[in-house]
C-alpha atoms as a PDB file:
ATOM      1  CA  UNK A   1       0.000   0.000   0.000  1.00  0.00           C
ATOM      2  CA  UNK A   2       1.181   3.494  -0.713  1.00  0.00           C
ATOM      3  CA  UNK A   3       1.252   6.232   1.853  1.00  0.00           C
ATOM      4  CA  UNK A   4      -1.500   8.798   1.648  1.00  0.00           C
ATOM      5  CA  UNK A   5      -0.553  12.437   1.162  1.00  0.00           C
ATOM      6  CA  UNK A   6      -3.197  13.375   3.716  1.00  0.00           C
ATOM      7  CA  UNK A   7      -2.044  13.644   7.312  1.00  0.00           C
ATOM      8  CA  UNK A   8      -3.522  11.194   9.754  1.00  0.00           C
ATOM      9  CA  UNK A   9      -5.872  12.706  12.322  1.00  0.00           C
ATOM     10  CA  UNK A  10      -3.194  12.459  15.012  1.00  0.00           C
ATOM     11  CA  UNK A  11      -0.685  14.546  12.996  1.00  0.00           C
ATOM     12  CA  UNK A  12      -3.072  17.315  11.998  1.00  0.00           C
ATOM     13  CA  UNK A  13      -2.684  20.662  13.713  1.00  0.00           C
ATOM     14  CA  UNK A  14      -5.471  21.471  16.168  1.00  0.00           C
ATOM     15  CA  UNK A  15      -8.563  23.031  14.625  1.00  0.00           C
ATOM     16  CA  UNK A  16      -8.611  26.813  15.022  1.00  0.00           C
ATOM     17  CA  UNK A  17     -11.569  28.809  16.173  1.00  0.00           C
ATOM     18  CA  UNK A  18     -13.553  30.715  13.550  1.00  0.00           C
ATOM     19  CA  UNK A  19     -13.922  33.614  15.964  1.00  0.00           C
ATOM     20  CA  UNK A  20     -11.286  35.899  17.441  1.00  0.00           C
ATOM     21  CA  UNK A  21      -8.231  37.272  15.656  1.00  0.00           C
ATOM     22  CA  UNK A  22      -6.056  35.930  12.871  1.00  0.00           C
ATOM     23  CA  UNK A  23      -2.309  35.692  13.443  1.00  0.00           C
ATOM     24  CA  UNK A  24      -1.993  39.125  11.771  1.00  0.00           C
ATOM     25  CA  UNK A  25      -4.336  40.724  14.322  1.00  0.00           C
ATOM     26  CA  UNK A  26      -7.400  41.070  12.081  1.00  0.00           C
ATOM     27  CA  UNK A  27     -10.817  39.918  13.302  1.00  0.00           C
ATOM     28  CA  UNK A  28     -11.953  36.611  11.841  1.00  0.00           C
ATOM     29  CA  UNK A  29     -15.124  36.593   9.737  1.00  0.00           C
ATOM     30  CA  UNK A  30     -17.318  34.916  12.356  1.00  0.00           C
ATOM     31  CA  UNK A  31     -16.463  37.695  14.839  1.00  0.00           C
ATOM     32  CA  UNK A  32     -17.678  40.520  12.606  1.00  0.00           C
ATOM     33  CA  UNK A  33     -20.942  42.388  13.014  1.00  0.00           C
ATOM     34  CA  UNK A  34     -23.293  43.181  10.123  1.00  0.00           C
ATOM     35  CA  UNK A  35     -22.085  46.791  10.197  1.00  0.00           C
ATOM     36  CA  UNK A  36     -18.427  45.724  10.131  1.00  0.00           C
ATOM     37  CA  UNK A  37     -19.164  43.652   7.057  1.00  0.00           C
ATOM     38  CA  UNK A  38     -20.986  46.618   5.486  1.00  0.00           C
ATOM     39  CA  UNK A  39     -17.877  48.749   6.049  1.00  0.00           C
ATOM     40  CA  UNK A  40     -15.697  46.089   4.391  1.00  0.00           C
ATOM     41  CA  UNK A  41     -17.890  46.070   1.293  1.00  0.00           C
ATOM     42  CA  UNK A  42     -18.002  49.880   1.353  1.00  0.00           C
ATOM     43  CA  UNK A  43     -14.179  50.084   1.321  1.00  0.00           C
ATOM     44  CA  UNK A  44     -14.080  47.805  -1.701  1.00  0.00           C
ATOM     45  CA  UNK A  45     -16.799  49.807  -3.449  1.00  0.00           C
ATOM     46  CA  UNK A  46     -15.195  53.175  -2.668  1.00  0.00           C
ATOM     47  CA  UNK A  47     -11.881  51.822  -3.946  1.00  0.00           C
ATOM     48  CA  UNK A  48     -13.631  51.173  -7.281  1.00  0.00           C
ATOM     49  CA  UNK A  49     -14.854  54.769  -7.270  1.00  0.00           C
ATOM     50  CA  UNK A  50     -11.420  56.177  -6.472  1.00  0.00           C
ATOM     51  CA  UNK A  51      -9.296  53.994  -8.739  1.00  0.00           C
ATOM     52  CA  UNK A  52     -11.649  52.914 -11.499  1.00  0.00           C
ATOM     53  CA  UNK A  53     -13.696  56.134 -11.551  1.00  0.00           C
ATOM     54  CA  UNK A  54     -16.766  53.871 -11.752  1.00  0.00           C
ATOM     55  CA  UNK A  55     -20.323  55.092 -11.268  1.00  0.00           C
ATOM     56  CA  UNK A  56     -21.624  54.625  -7.700  1.00  0.00           C
ATOM     57  CA  UNK A  57     -24.823  52.910  -8.861  1.00  0.00           C
ATOM     58  CA  UNK A  58     -22.900  50.421 -11.020  1.00  0.00           C
ATOM     59  CA  UNK A  59     -20.484  49.724  -8.157  1.00  0.00           C
ATOM     60  CA  UNK A  60     -23.466  49.243  -5.841  1.00  0.00           C
ATOM     61  CA  UNK A  61     -25.020  46.601  -8.122  1.00  0.00           C
ATOM     62  CA  UNK A  62     -21.666  44.837  -8.565  1.00  0.00           C
ATOM     63  CA  UNK A  63     -20.910  44.815  -4.823  1.00  0.00           C
ATOM     64  CA  UNK A  64     -24.310  43.397  -3.854  1.00  0.00           C
ATOM     65  CA  UNK A  65     -23.530  40.343  -6.011  1.00  0.00           C
ATOM     66  CA  UNK A  66     -20.313  39.550  -4.124  1.00  0.00           C
ATOM     67  CA  UNK A  67     -20.195  36.482  -1.909  1.00  0.00           C
ATOM     68  CA  UNK A  68     -21.099  37.254   1.687  1.00  0.00           C
ATOM     69  CA  UNK A  69     -22.924  40.521   1.031  1.00  0.00           C
ATOM     70  CA  UNK A  70     -26.117  38.997   2.431  1.00  0.00           C
ATOM     71  CA  UNK A  71     -24.442  39.016   5.878  1.00  0.00           C
ATOM     72  CA  UNK A  72     -23.784  42.783   5.716  1.00  0.00           C
ATOM     73  CA  UNK A  73     -26.038  45.596   6.937  1.00  0.00           C
ATOM     74  CA  UNK A  74     -27.222  46.756   3.512  1.00  0.00           C
ATOM     75  CA  UNK A  75     -28.719  50.014   4.824  1.00  0.00           C
ATOM     76  CA  UNK A  76     -25.388  51.000   6.389  1.00  0.00           C
ATOM     77  CA  UNK A  77     -23.568  49.995   3.197  1.00  0.00           C
ATOM     78  CA  UNK A  78     -25.947  52.236   1.193  1.00  0.00           C
ATOM     79  CA  UNK A  79     -25.346  55.161   3.538  1.00  0.00           C
ATOM     80  CA  UNK A  80     -21.560  54.753   3.357  1.00  0.00           C
ATOM     81  CA  UNK A  81     -21.228  54.176  -0.379  1.00  0.00           C
ATOM     82  CA  UNK A  82     -23.694  56.767  -1.600  1.00  0.00           C
ATOM     83  CA  UNK A  83     -23.000  59.239   1.206  1.00  0.00           C
ATOM     84  CA  UNK A  84     -19.241  59.165   0.578  1.00  0.00           C
ATOM     85  CA  UNK A  85     -19.710  59.319  -3.193  1.00  0.00           C
ATOM     86  CA  UNK A  86     -22.067  62.304  -2.998  1.00  0.00           C
ATOM     87  CA  UNK A  87     -19.993  64.127  -0.364  1.00  0.00           C
ATOM     88  CA  UNK A  88     -16.519  63.230  -1.645  1.00  0.00           C
ATOM     89  CA  UNK A  89     -15.398  66.863  -1.982  1.00  0.00           C
ATOM     90  CA  UNK A  90     -16.688  67.804   1.475  1.00  0.00           C
ATOM     91  CA  UNK A  91     -15.068  64.729   3.049  1.00  0.00           C
ATOM     92  CA  UNK A  92     -11.777  65.511   1.309  1.00  0.00           C
ATOM     93  CA  UNK A  93     -12.012  69.081   2.644  1.00  0.00           C
ATOM     94  CA  UNK A  94     -12.332  67.703   6.199  1.00  0.00           C
ATOM     95  CA  UNK A  95      -9.433  65.273   5.783  1.00  0.00           C
ATOM     96  CA  UNK A  96      -6.984  67.414   3.784  1.00  0.00           C
ATOM     97  CA  UNK A  97      -5.913  69.843   6.558  1.00  0.00           C
ATOM     98  CA  UNK A  98      -5.000  66.854   8.762  1.00  0.00           C
ATOM     99  CA  UNK A  99      -2.642  65.262   6.224  1.00  0.00           C
ATOM    100  CA  UNK A 100       1.109  65.720   6.073  1.00  0.00           C
ATOM    101  CA  UNK A 101       1.148  65.041   2.331  1.00  0.00           C
ATOM    102  CA  UNK A 102      -0.982  65.596  -0.745  1.00  0.00           C
ATOM    103  CA  UNK A 103      -4.218  63.644  -0.967  1.00  0.00           C
ATOM    104  CA  UNK A 104      -2.969  62.123  -4.236  1.00  0.00           C
ATOM    105  CA  UNK A 105      -0.081  60.570  -2.260  1.00  0.00           C
ATOM    106  CA  UNK A 106      -2.478  58.687   0.021  1.00  0.00           C
ATOM    107  CA  UNK A 107      -3.218  55.064  -0.850  1.00  0.00           C
ATOM    108  CA  UNK A 108      -6.719  54.654  -2.319  1.00  0.00           C
ATOM    109  CA  UNK A 109      -7.501  52.117   0.413  1.00  0.00           C
ATOM    110  CA  UNK A 110      -6.555  54.520   3.209  1.00  0.00           C
ATOM    111  CA  UNK A 111      -8.383  57.305   1.375  1.00  0.00           C
ATOM    112  CA  UNK A 112     -11.570  55.185   1.234  1.00  0.00           C
ATOM    113  CA  UNK A 113     -11.203  54.235   4.905  1.00  0.00           C
ATOM    114  CA  UNK A 114     -10.776  57.888   5.907  1.00  0.00           C
ATOM    115  CA  UNK A 115     -13.895  58.784   3.892  1.00  0.00           C
ATOM    116  CA  UNK A 116     -15.829  56.143   5.827  1.00  0.00           C
ATOM    117  CA  UNK A 117     -14.467  57.441   9.136  1.00  0.00           C
ATOM    118  CA  UNK A 118     -15.192  61.065   8.306  1.00  0.00           C
ATOM    119  CA  UNK A 119     -18.680  60.210   7.061  1.00  0.00           C
ATOM    120  CA  UNK A 120     -19.538  58.168  10.157  1.00  0.00           C
ATOM    121  CA  UNK A 121     -18.123  60.771  12.540  1.00  0.00           C
ATOM    122  CA  UNK A 122     -20.240  63.418  10.838  1.00  0.00           C
ATOM    123  CA  UNK A 123     -23.473  61.547  10.044  1.00  0.00           C
ATOM    124  CA  UNK A 124     -23.712  58.335  12.102  1.00  0.00           C
ATOM    125  CA  UNK A 125     -24.036  59.808  15.564  1.00  0.00           C
ATOM    126  CA  UNK A 126     -25.410  56.518  16.909  1.00  0.00           C
ATOM    127  CA  UNK A 127     -21.915  55.037  16.451  1.00  0.00           C
ATOM    128  CA  UNK A 128     -19.546  56.132  19.251  1.00  0.00           C
ATOM    129  CA  UNK A 129     -16.446  57.976  18.038  1.00  0.00           C
ATOM    130  CA  UNK A 130     -14.116  55.306  19.446  1.00  0.00           C
ATOM    131  CA  UNK A 131     -16.013  52.604  17.532  1.00  0.00           C
ATOM    132  CA  UNK A 132     -15.734  54.594  14.284  1.00  0.00           C
ATOM    133  CA  UNK A 133     -11.963  54.908  14.717  1.00  0.00           C
ATOM    134  CA  UNK A 134     -11.487  51.285  15.789  1.00  0.00           C
ATOM    135  CA  UNK A 135     -13.518  49.979  12.846  1.00  0.00           C
ATOM    136  CA  UNK A 136     -11.530  52.146  10.416  1.00  0.00           C
ATOM    137  CA  UNK A 137      -8.214  51.026  11.886  1.00  0.00           C
ATOM    138  CA  UNK A 138      -9.357  47.402  11.437  1.00  0.00           C
ATOM    139  CA  UNK A 139     -10.293  48.123   7.810  1.00  0.00           C
ATOM    140  CA  UNK A 140      -6.909  49.712   7.162  1.00  0.00           C
ATOM    141  CA  UNK A 141      -5.157  46.711   8.732  1.00  0.00           C
ATOM    142  CA  UNK A 142      -7.159  44.275   6.632  1.00  0.00           C
ATOM    143  CA  UNK A 143      -7.086  46.050   3.266  1.00  0.00           C
ATOM    144  CA  UNK A 144      -4.352  48.683   3.461  1.00  0.00           C
ATOM    145  CA  UNK A 145      -0.586  48.834   3.522  1.00  0.00           C
ATOM    146  CA  UNK A 146       1.673  47.727   6.348  1.00  0.00           C
ATOM    147  CA  UNK A 147       1.438  50.818   8.561  1.00  0.00           C
ATOM    148  CA  UNK A 148      -1.507  52.539   6.895  1.00  0.00           C
ATOM    149  CA  UNK A 149      -3.683  51.870   9.929  1.00  0.00           C
ATOM    150  CA  UNK A 150      -1.435  54.083  12.068  1.00  0.00           C
ATOM    151  CA  UNK A 151      -1.880  56.989   9.659  1.00  0.00           C
ATOM    152  CA  UNK A 152      -5.659  56.469   9.490  1.00  0.00           C
ATOM    153  CA  UNK A 153      -5.789  56.355  13.300  1.00  0.00           C
ATOM    154  CA  UNK A 154      -3.947  59.668  13.647  1.00  0.00           C
ATOM    155  CA  UNK A 155      -6.060  61.478  11.059  1.00  0.00           C
ATOM    156  CA  UNK A 156      -9.386  60.200  12.396  1.00  0.00           C
ATOM    157  CA  UNK A 157      -8.449  60.924  16.021  1.00  0.00           C
ATOM    158  CA  UNK A 158      -7.827  64.539  15.052  1.00  0.00           C
ATOM    159  CA  UNK A 159     -11.035  64.653  13.062  1.00  0.00           C
ATOM    160  CA  UNK A 160     -13.043  63.192  15.965  1.00  0.00           C
ATOM    161  CA  UNK A 161     -11.840  66.034  18.199  1.00  0.00           C
ATOM    162  CA  UNK A 162     -13.277  68.486  15.655  1.00  0.00           C
ATOM    163  CA  UNK A 163     -16.520  66.767  14.684  1.00  0.00           C
ATOM    164  CA  UNK A 164     -17.430  65.232  18.038  1.00  0.00           C
ATOM    165  CA  UNK A 165     -15.725  67.606  20.438  1.00  0.00           C
ATOM    166  CA  UNK A 166     -18.237  67.176  23.293  1.00  0.00           C
ATOM    167  CA  UNK A 167     -18.331  63.380  23.005  1.00  0.00           C
ATOM    168  CA  UNK A 168     -14.537  63.106  22.927  1.00  0.00           C
ATOM    169  CA  UNK A 169     -14.174  65.505  25.884  1.00  0.00           C
ATOM    170  CA  UNK A 170     -16.818  63.655  27.905  1.00  0.00           C
ATOM    171  CA  UNK A 171     -15.162  60.338  27.153  1.00  0.00           C
ATOM    172  CA  UNK A 172     -11.695  61.593  28.103  1.00  0.00           C
ATOM    173  CA  UNK A 173     -13.076  63.203  31.283  1.00  0.00           C
ATOM    174  CA  UNK A 174     -14.675  59.920  32.359  1.00  0.00           C
ATOM    175  CA  UNK A 175     -11.344  58.120  32.323  1.00  0.00           C
END
């Protein structure tokens, strides 16, 4: 008999949990909320707007056909995609003064993530400012460059102090 290329049950590594963090520090799929999933799809859609210059409605249709979209909060996805697309210039105007380089030098992924953060800080007041920043940092870790999440964190922290001054002050005072 020949040896099988499949490991025997006793030599297999232990089965890993579907929840928690990956070895790179990103949340595993089973640990993500519907809104987190909506943000992930929104980053991908906004990337298509930024890089491909595609129409928001066409990107919307395309994104809804992607595997796993049914697990996302579609209303939040709509708000993020269409809100960021319609308010792109205003969002850029909020972000630009906080950058240490030209907007064209920012990765499209980090740009899309900062749009999401700026939009949520400004329009999604039911989402605490710390949650907005944490979610955006997670998006930048998952989709962006090596240290892009650090840049996103710095920009959005500064923006939170402007857009949600009272909430940030109250939160810092409670510590």
